Amino acid sequence: MTDDLSRAAAARGPAIGDDQAVLAAVAKLAADRFAPRAEEYDRKAVFPAEDFDDLFADGLLGVTVPREYGGLGYGPQQRHTLPLWEMTTTLAKADLSLARCWEGHTNALVLIDALAGPEQKRLWFAGVVEHGEKWTAWSGEPQAPKPGETRRFGTTLVPVPNGWILRGSKAFATSATGAQWAILLVDPESSGGARRTGEAHGRLLLLACDLSDPTVTVDDAWWDPIGMRATVSHAVRFDDTFIPRDHLIGGPGSFFDGQWQTAFVPHYAASFLGGALAAYEYGLAYLKRQGKGGDPYVQQRVGSMAVNVETARLWLRHVAGLWDEGRLDEARIAGDRAWHMIVQLTRETVHHVIHTCGARGLIRPSPVERILRDLTLYQLHDNDDHVLATIGRAVLGERYDPSFHRL
């Protein structure tokens, strides 16, 4: 980042404590700059770098950095959750891929805030606030190959003096070509990342990796999906990458001990809502322009859409309130409920838009075509059947895992 951007961040950033000013600044950026860029980022499948430059220039890149380190102090760790999720909804309304990269960045900073030591925080937060460095977090190490796939994913960690040597690869590495730092979730004894919870619970490590290391390489041919293309969630390989011991965040198992994934589950749902809102607003404008407002079937579908998006907002507000009040056990399972409910609400909303607008509503430059593709892929991030079963186990008093929904 240039010195000009650093000066702009200090001069133009919204005042700390003025949430409405922050949200208004994000909304203006999203409408004026991010939404117009979204189609090109999607077509080219490239990281939304200009969007992040704009967020930094407006003093918004460090929203989950604590105030004492120059940030805005948003997020569940700081007990100021809803403004963060509302920001994410606004970004997702412009571009779901941008919102996913943003989630990875802000969630990584929440983990640093919660688990890192004072010197780590001073160094890494300064990189974000002063220099516009972007973070992400990677766990993905799918163990079973899909049909026709020969490549295997997984990492191994070898202890050496003052750190570790990392070998292997991760998939679904969001922001692979855009971030400067990644928190790697690594099991030192077995491949599988974080989702093999039964085995890795007490030993999973969070390791900060400098992605400028030449031993870290990106396979940009791997990520060629139907949607979420601009997340550039490529496969990444580590060829004897040295991770210094002072890049260990927290202790073994601290990610699971704090059940940190549960703080991020409803954050994903905030993005889903943003995508549905964009489709909904496009649909309303389309229907009014076409003079279809008198059709009773259109009226029913529009009524359903309006109730859906408002219900999703209420769910996010409810869960954010539980986090901010410190009612953590309630917040964790409520976050699963919100995620499941918002998946259904947003999926239904987009399909109402499609059915009322017809085939022309899926022809570019309509954003609905991209939103449909993006939501279809992104809502597979967690398995809705397992999430719903987790909710059922909680109600029945059975043992459950609110983080990754497996026992």
Protein backbone atom coordinates (compact mmCIF):
# COMPACT_ATOMS: atom_id res chain seq x y z
CA MET A 1 0.00 0.00 0.00
CA THR A 2 1.18 3.52 -0.72
CA ASP A 3 1.79 6.29 1.79
CA ASP A 4 -1.03 8.21 0.08
CA LEU A 5 -3.49 5.47 1.06
CA SER A 6 -2.20 5.49 4.64
CA ARG A 7 -2.73 9.24 4.88
CA ALA A 8 -6.16 8.92 3.32
CA ALA A 9 -7.15 6.30 5.88
CA ALA A 10 -6.29 8.66 8.70
CA ALA A 11 -7.93 11.69 7.09
CA ARG A 12 -11.11 10.13 5.71
CA GLY A 13 -11.96 7.36 8.15
CA PRO A 14 -15.32 7.72 9.95
CA ALA A 15 -15.21 8.70 13.59
CA ILE A 16 -14.79 5.90 16.10
CA GLY A 17 -18.07 5.32 17.91
CA ASP A 18 -20.28 6.65 15.12
CA ASP A 19 -21.74 3.42 13.81
CA GLN A 20 -24.22 5.12 11.50
CA ALA A 21 -21.44 7.09 9.82
CA VAL A 22 -19.44 3.90 9.34
CA LEU A 23 -22.39 2.05 7.82
CA ALA A 24 -23.22 5.00 5.59
CA ALA A 25 -19.64 5.13 4.32
CA VAL A 26 -19.73 1.42 3.52
CA ALA A 27 -23.09 1.73 1.79
CA LYS A 28 -21.81 4.57 -0.41
CA LEU A 29 -18.70 2.61 -1.40
CA ALA A 30 -20.78 -0.50 -2.08
CA ALA A 31 -23.26 1.32 -4.31
CA ASP A 32 -20.86 3.65 -6.12
CA ARG A 33 -17.84 1.40 -6.62
CA PHE A 34 -18.18 -2.21 -5.49
CA ALA A 35 -21.42 -3.17 -7.23
CA PRO A 36 -20.31 -1.78 -10.62
CA ARG A 37 -17.07 -3.80 -10.40
CA ALA A 38 -18.67 -7.08 -9.35
CA GLU A 39 -19.50 -8.43 -12.80
CA GLU A 40 -15.96 -7.97 -14.11
CA TYR A 41 -14.42 -9.58 -11.03
CA ASP A 42 -16.78 -12.51 -11.50
CA ARG A 43 -16.09 -12.92 -15.22
CA LYS A 44 -12.32 -12.77 -14.76
CA ALA A 45 -12.32 -14.69 -11.46
CA VAL A 46 -9.91 -12.22 -9.86
CA PHE A 47 -9.58 -10.95 -6.31
CA PRO A 48 -11.47 -7.65 -5.66
CA ALA A 49 -8.27 -5.74 -4.92
CA GLU A 50 -9.61 -2.28 -5.77
CA ASP A 51 -12.50 -2.80 -3.35
CA PHE A 52 -10.10 -3.56 -0.52
CA ASP A 53 -7.98 -0.55 -1.47
CA ASP A 54 -11.08 1.62 -1.15
CA LEU A 55 -11.97 0.11 2.23
CA PHE A 56 -8.46 0.86 3.46
CA ALA A 57 -8.49 4.38 2.06
CA ASP A 58 -11.71 5.08 3.96
CA GLY A 59 -10.30 3.73 7.22
CA LEU A 60 -12.52 0.64 7.23
CA LEU A 61 -10.11 -2.27 6.83
CA GLY A 62 -9.50 -2.60 10.56
CA VAL A 63 -13.10 -2.66 11.78
CA THR A 64 -12.49 -5.74 13.98
CA VAL A 65 -9.17 -4.37 15.27
CA PRO A 66 -9.61 -3.11 18.86
CA ARG A 67 -9.76 0.65 19.28
CA GLU A 68 -6.54 0.77 21.29
CA TYR A 69 -4.76 -0.54 18.18
CA GLY A 70 -6.38 1.96 15.82
CA GLY A 71 -9.43 -0.03 14.72
CA LEU A 72 -13.16 0.40 15.24
CA GLY A 73 -13.61 -2.40 17.78
CA TYR A 74 -16.42 -4.27 16.02
CA GLY A 75 -17.20 -7.98 16.29
CA PRO A 76 -18.14 -10.61 18.87
CA GLN A 77 -14.82 -10.46 20.74
CA GLN A 78 -15.35 -6.75 21.40
CA ARG A 79 -19.06 -7.24 22.20
CA HIS A 80 -20.06 -4.92 19.35
CA THR A 81 -21.28 -7.43 16.81
CA LEU A 82 -24.26 -6.16 14.83
CA PRO A 83 -22.47 -3.30 13.01
CA LEU A 84 -19.92 -5.78 11.66
CA TRP A 85 -22.63 -8.09 10.34
CA GLU A 86 -24.55 -5.15 8.88
CA MET A 87 -21.39 -4.06 7.06
CA THR A 88 -20.98 -7.54 5.66
CA THR A 89 -24.60 -7.59 4.49
CA THR A 90 -24.01 -4.30 2.69
CA LEU A 91 -20.87 -5.59 0.99
CA ALA A 92 -22.61 -8.82 0.00
CA LYS A 93 -25.44 -6.82 -1.52
CA ALA A 94 -22.82 -5.40 -3.90
CA ASP A 95 -20.80 -8.60 -4.40
CA LEU A 96 -21.02 -11.88 -2.49
CA SER A 97 -17.44 -12.81 -3.39
CA LEU A 98 -16.18 -9.55 -1.92
CA ALA A 99 -18.16 -10.25 1.26
CA ARG A 100 -16.63 -13.72 1.59
CA CYS A 101 -13.09 -12.32 1.31
CA TRP A 102 -14.06 -9.60 3.80
CA GLU A 103 -15.40 -12.22 6.24
CA GLY A 104 -12.12 -14.13 6.07
CA HIS A 105 -10.18 -10.94 6.78
CA THR A 106 -12.31 -9.67 9.66
CA ASN A 107 -12.75 -13.11 11.23
CA ALA A 108 -8.99 -13.68 11.20
CA LEU A 109 -8.53 -10.40 13.05
CA VAL A 110 -11.12 -11.50 15.62
CA LEU A 111 -9.03 -14.60 16.28
CA ILE A 112 -5.90 -12.49 16.69
CA ASP A 113 -7.76 -10.20 19.09
CA ALA A 114 -8.98 -13.16 21.14
CA LEU A 115 -5.91 -15.38 21.18
CA ALA A 116 -2.70 -13.59 20.16
CA GLY A 117 -0.11 -12.09 22.48
CA PRO A 118 0.46 -8.33 22.93
CA GLU A 119 3.47 -8.12 20.60
CA GLN A 120 1.71 -10.16 17.94
CA LYS A 121 -1.29 -7.83 18.12
CA ARG A 122 0.86 -4.72 17.95
CA LEU A 123 2.70 -5.96 14.85
CA TRP A 124 -0.18 -7.49 12.91
CA PHE A 125 -2.82 -4.88 13.70
CA ALA A 126 -0.42 -2.12 12.65
CA GLY A 127 0.04 -3.90 9.33
CA VAL A 128 -3.71 -3.74 8.76
CA VAL A 129 -4.46 -0.24 10.02
CA GLU A 130 -1.33 1.51 8.73
CA HIS A 131 -0.44 -0.46 5.62
CA GLY A 132 -3.65 -2.11 4.45
CA GLU A 133 -2.51 -5.70 4.90
CA LYS A 134 -5.23 -8.27 4.30
CA TRP A 135 -5.72 -11.48 6.27
CA THR A 136 -7.55 -14.72 5.72
CA ALA A 137 -7.89 -18.11 7.46
CA TRP A 138 -7.51 -21.52 5.83
CA SER A 139 -8.50 -24.92 7.11
CA GLY A 140 -9.61 -26.85 4.02
CA GLU A 141 -7.98 -30.23 3.60
CA PRO A 142 -10.64 -32.47 2.03
CA GLN A 143 -9.63 -36.07 2.59
CA ALA A 144 -11.70 -37.98 0.03
CA PRO A 145 -11.06 -37.27 -3.66
CA LYS A 146 -14.02 -36.56 -5.89
CA PRO A 147 -14.56 -38.78 -8.99
CA GLY A 148 -11.75 -38.23 -11.46
CA GLU A 149 -9.58 -36.34 -8.96
CA THR A 150 -6.11 -37.72 -8.25
CA ARG A 151 -4.68 -34.89 -6.17
CA ARG A 152 -4.69 -35.32 -2.39
CA PHE A 153 -4.86 -32.48 0.11
CA GLY A 154 -3.37 -32.35 3.57
CA THR A 155 -0.53 -30.82 5.56
CA THR A 156 2.24 -32.16 7.77
CA LEU A 157 4.13 -30.18 10.38
CA VAL A 158 7.72 -30.99 11.38
CA PRO A 159 9.11 -29.34 14.54
CA VAL A 160 12.45 -27.58 14.08
CA PRO A 161 14.38 -25.14 16.27
CA ASN A 162 12.33 -21.97 16.76
CA GLY A 163 9.34 -23.19 14.79
CA TRP A 164 7.98 -25.70 12.29
CA ILE A 165 8.39 -26.79 8.69
CA LEU A 166 5.05 -27.02 6.88
CA ARG A 167 4.54 -29.31 3.90
CA GLY A 168 1.45 -30.14 1.86
CA SER A 169 -1.55 -28.27 0.54
CA LYS A 170 -4.89 -26.72 1.39
CA ALA A 171 -7.95 -26.21 -0.77
CA PHE A 172 -10.73 -23.61 -0.69
CA ALA A 173 -8.06 -21.05 0.24
CA THR A 174 -10.13 -17.86 0.00
CA SER A 175 -8.23 -14.69 -1.02
CA ALA A 176 -5.26 -16.82 -2.08
CA THR A 177 -4.00 -14.22 -4.55
CA GLY A 178 -5.05 -11.16 -2.55
CA ALA A 179 -4.14 -11.62 1.12
CA GLN A 180 -0.75 -10.95 2.67
CA TRP A 181 -1.27 -13.20 5.70
CA ALA A 182 -3.17 -16.42 6.38
CA ILE A 183 -4.04 -18.09 9.65
CA LEU A 184 -3.51 -21.79 8.95
CA LEU A 185 -5.52 -24.29 10.98
CA VAL A 186 -3.18 -27.26 11.17
CA ASP A 187 -3.31 -30.56 13.03
CA PRO A 188 0.36 -31.35 13.83
CA GLU A 189 -0.31 -35.08 13.92
CA SER A 190 -2.67 -35.70 11.00
CA SER A 191 -4.05 -34.12 7.86
CA GLY A 192 -7.62 -32.87 7.74
CA GLY A 193 -7.50 -29.29 8.95
CA ALA A 194 -10.07 -28.32 11.59
CA ARG A 195 -13.05 -30.39 10.55
CA ARG A 196 -11.71 -33.66 11.96
CA THR A 197 -12.84 -32.36 15.31
CA GLY A 198 -12.94 -35.61 17.22
CA GLU A 199 -9.23 -36.23 16.71
CA ALA A 200 -7.78 -32.73 16.47
CA HIS A 201 -9.65 -30.95 19.25
CA GLY A 202 -6.85 -30.66 21.81
CA ARG A 203 -3.96 -30.22 19.42
CA LEU A 204 -5.08 -28.03 16.50
CA LEU A 205 -2.69 -25.12 15.96
CA LEU A 206 -3.34 -21.64 14.55
CA LEU A 207 -0.25 -20.54 12.63
CA ALA A 208 0.21 -17.14 10.97
CA CYS A 209 1.81 -17.59 7.56
CA ASP A 210 3.44 -14.79 5.57
CA LEU A 211 2.13 -15.45 2.08
CA SER A 212 5.02 -13.61 0.44
CA ASP A 213 7.24 -16.58 1.36
CA PRO A 214 8.44 -18.05 -1.97
CA THR A 215 7.79 -21.58 -0.69
CA VAL A 216 4.05 -20.80 -0.72
CA THR A 217 2.60 -21.30 -4.21
CA VAL A 218 -0.93 -21.00 -5.60
CA ASP A 219 -2.56 -23.42 -8.05
CA ASP A 220 -4.95 -21.03 -9.79
CA ALA A 221 -6.22 -23.76 -12.12
CA TRP A 222 -8.02 -25.58 -9.30
CA TRP A 223 -10.70 -22.95 -8.57
CA ASP A 224 -13.13 -22.90 -11.51
CA PRO A 225 -16.55 -22.97 -9.83
CA ILE A 226 -20.07 -22.05 -10.85
CA GLY A 227 -20.16 -19.13 -8.42
CA MET A 228 -18.13 -17.16 -5.86
CA ARG A 229 -15.45 -16.95 -8.51
CA ALA A 230 -13.83 -13.75 -7.29
CA THR A 231 -13.06 -15.27 -3.89
CA VAL A 232 -10.09 -16.89 -5.70
CA SER A 233 -10.34 -19.83 -3.29
CA HIS A 234 -7.51 -21.68 -4.97
CA ALA A 235 -5.44 -24.63 -3.84
CA VAL A 236 -2.24 -23.53 -2.08
CA ARG A 237 0.93 -25.58 -1.63
CA PHE A 238 3.55 -25.29 1.10
CA ASP A 239 6.98 -26.63 0.12
CA ASP A 240 9.01 -26.73 3.33
CA THR A 241 7.57 -23.42 4.54
CA PHE A 242 9.13 -22.27 7.80
CA ILE A 243 6.63 -21.02 10.39
CA PRO A 244 8.39 -19.24 13.30
CA ARG A 245 7.29 -20.23 16.77
CA ASP A 246 6.28 -16.64 17.49
CA HIS A 247 3.67 -17.00 14.73
CA LEU A 248 1.70 -19.49 16.83
CA ILE A 249 -1.58 -17.84 17.84
CA GLY A 250 -2.83 -19.09 21.20
CA GLY A 251 -2.09 -22.61 22.35
CA PRO A 252 -2.89 -26.10 21.05
CA GLY A 253 -6.64 -26.55 20.85
CA SER A 254 -7.48 -22.93 21.65
CA PHE A 255 -9.63 -22.58 18.53
CA PHE A 256 -11.88 -25.38 19.75
CA ASP A 257 -11.66 -24.45 23.42
CA GLY A 258 -13.15 -21.07 22.62
CA GLN A 259 -15.58 -22.53 20.06
CA TRP A 260 -14.58 -19.69 17.77
CA GLN A 261 -16.18 -21.13 14.66
CA THR A 262 -19.56 -20.49 16.25
CA ALA A 263 -18.89 -16.75 16.12
CA PHE A 264 -18.39 -16.94 12.37
CA VAL A 265 -21.38 -19.12 11.38
CA PRO A 266 -23.96 -16.28 11.62
CA HIS A 267 -21.47 -13.95 9.92
CA TYR A 268 -21.78 -16.16 6.82
CA ALA A 269 -25.55 -15.78 7.07
CA ALA A 270 -25.16 -12.01 7.00
CA SER A 271 -23.64 -12.40 3.54
CA PHE A 272 -26.52 -14.59 2.39
CA LEU A 273 -28.91 -11.83 3.41
CA GLY A 274 -26.95 -9.28 1.40
CA GLY A 275 -27.21 -11.36 -1.75
CA ALA A 276 -30.94 -11.84 -1.27
CA LEU A 277 -31.44 -8.12 -0.66
CA ALA A 278 -29.74 -7.28 -3.95
CA ALA A 279 -31.99 -9.72 -5.81
CA TYR A 280 -35.07 -8.43 -3.99
CA GLU A 281 -34.39 -4.78 -4.80
CA TYR A 282 -33.65 -5.59 -8.43
CA GLY A 283 -36.87 -7.62 -8.59
CA LEU A 284 -38.99 -4.79 -7.16
CA ALA A 285 -37.58 -2.29 -9.66
CA TYR A 286 -38.11 -4.74 -12.52
CA LEU A 287 -41.71 -5.52 -11.57
CA LYS A 288 -42.62 -1.87 -11.19
CA ARG A 289 -41.05 -1.01 -14.54
CA GLN A 290 -42.95 -3.85 -16.19
CA GLY A 291 -46.23 -2.79 -14.57
CA LYS A 292 -46.77 -6.16 -12.88
CA GLY A 293 -47.69 -4.80 -9.46
CA GLY A 294 -51.41 -5.51 -9.98
CA ASP A 295 -50.93 -9.25 -10.44
CA PRO A 296 -52.15 -10.99 -7.22
CA TYR A 297 -49.61 -13.80 -7.60
CA VAL A 298 -46.79 -11.27 -7.93
CA GLN A 299 -48.14 -9.50 -4.86
CA GLN A 300 -48.03 -12.72 -2.85
CA ARG A 301 -44.46 -13.42 -3.84
CA VAL A 302 -43.35 -9.86 -3.12
CA GLY A 303 -45.04 -10.04 0.27
CA SER A 304 -43.17 -13.24 1.01
CA MET A 305 -39.87 -11.66 -0.03
CA ALA A 306 -40.46 -8.65 2.23
CA VAL A 307 -41.21 -10.87 5.23
CA ASN A 308 -38.21 -13.08 4.46
CA VAL A 309 -35.60 -10.32 4.44
CA GLU A 310 -37.04 -8.69 7.56
CA THR A 311 -37.08 -12.04 9.38
CA ALA A 312 -33.45 -12.62 8.45
CA ARG A 313 -32.52 -9.19 9.82
CA LEU A 314 -34.31 -9.94 13.08
CA TRP A 315 -32.47 -13.25 13.46
CA LEU A 316 -29.08 -11.55 13.02
CA ARG A 317 -30.02 -8.81 15.47
CA HIS A 318 -31.11 -11.43 18.03
CA VAL A 319 -27.91 -13.48 17.78
CA ALA A 320 -25.68 -10.38 17.84
CA GLY A 321 -27.41 -9.28 21.02
CA LEU A 322 -26.67 -12.60 22.69
CA TRP A 323 -22.97 -12.30 21.82
CA ASP A 324 -22.79 -8.74 23.09
CA GLU A 325 -24.53 -9.66 26.35
CA GLY A 326 -22.02 -12.47 26.96
CA ARG A 327 -24.69 -15.19 26.76
CA LEU A 328 -22.28 -17.37 24.84
CA ASP A 329 -23.92 -20.79 25.07
CA GLU A 330 -27.20 -19.31 23.86
CA ALA A 331 -25.43 -17.31 21.16
CA ARG A 332 -23.66 -20.36 19.74
CA ILE A 333 -26.70 -22.52 19.17
CA ALA A 334 -28.80 -19.50 18.16
CA GLY A 335 -26.19 -18.78 15.50
CA ASP A 336 -26.78 -22.24 14.04
CA ARG A 337 -30.52 -21.62 14.07
CA ALA A 338 -30.05 -18.26 12.35
CA TRP A 339 -27.75 -19.77 9.72
CA HIS A 340 -30.25 -22.53 8.90
CA MET A 341 -33.22 -20.17 8.82
CA ILE A 342 -31.48 -17.53 6.72
CA VAL A 343 -30.39 -20.17 4.19
CA GLN A 344 -34.05 -21.05 3.65
CA LEU A 345 -35.28 -17.45 3.64
CA THR A 346 -32.69 -16.15 1.19
CA ARG A 347 -32.93 -19.14 -1.12
CA GLU A 348 -36.70 -18.71 -1.30
CA THR A 349 -36.40 -14.96 -1.84
CA VAL A 350 -34.10 -15.32 -4.86
CA HIS A 351 -36.39 -17.91 -6.39
CA HIS A 352 -39.39 -15.62 -5.89
CA VAL A 353 -37.50 -12.94 -7.82
CA ILE A 354 -36.75 -15.40 -10.63
CA HIS A 355 -40.35 -16.60 -10.88
CA THR A 356 -41.85 -13.12 -10.88
CA CYS A 357 -39.34 -11.55 -13.28
CA GLY A 358 -39.04 -14.53 -15.62
CA ALA A 359 -36.15 -15.55 -17.83
CA ARG A 360 -35.21 -11.97 -18.71
CA GLY A 361 -34.30 -11.42 -15.07
CA LEU A 362 -31.51 -13.98 -15.44
CA ILE A 363 -29.88 -12.34 -18.43
CA ARG A 364 -26.88 -10.13 -17.83
CA PRO A 365 -26.44 -7.36 -16.83
CA SER A 366 -29.08 -8.43 -14.31
CA PRO A 367 -27.23 -9.22 -11.05
CA VAL A 368 -29.70 -12.01 -10.23
CA GLU A 369 -27.88 -14.48 -12.48
CA ARG A 370 -24.65 -13.98 -10.50
CA ILE A 371 -26.42 -13.92 -7.14
CA LEU A 372 -28.11 -17.24 -7.90
CA ARG A 373 -24.78 -18.84 -8.78
CA ASP A 374 -22.98 -17.34 -5.81
CA LEU A 375 -25.61 -18.28 -3.22
CA THR A 376 -25.92 -21.80 -4.63
CA LEU A 377 -22.23 -22.39 -4.03
CA TYR A 378 -21.76 -20.38 -0.85
CA GLN A 379 -24.62 -21.99 1.03
CA LEU A 380 -22.78 -25.30 0.72
CA HIS A 381 -20.07 -23.93 3.01
CA ASP A 382 -21.77 -25.86 5.81
CA ASN A 383 -24.05 -28.85 5.40
CA ASP A 384 -27.58 -27.70 6.15
CA ASP A 385 -28.73 -31.22 7.04
CA HIS A 386 -25.99 -31.47 9.67
CA VAL A 387 -26.71 -27.97 10.99
CA LEU A 388 -30.39 -28.82 11.43
CA ALA A 389 -29.50 -32.12 13.12
CA THR A 390 -27.19 -30.21 15.47
CA ILE A 391 -30.09 -27.97 16.45
CA GLY A 392 -32.22 -31.05 17.06
CA ARG A 393 -29.56 -32.68 19.22
CA ALA A 394 -29.34 -29.51 21.33
CA VAL A 395 -33.12 -29.48 21.84
CA LEU A 396 -33.10 -33.17 22.80
CA GLY A 397 -30.25 -32.74 25.26
CA GLU A 398 -27.93 -34.93 23.20
CA ARG A 399 -24.22 -34.25 22.73
CA TYR A 400 -23.54 -31.89 19.83
CA ASP A 401 -20.80 -29.86 18.17
CA PRO A 402 -22.01 -26.32 17.30
CA SER A 403 -18.82 -25.52 15.36
CA PHE A 404 -18.60 -28.10 12.59
CA HIS A 405 -21.81 -30.04 13.25
CA ARG A 406 -20.20 -33.45 13.62
CA LEU A 407 -19.66 -35.71 16.60
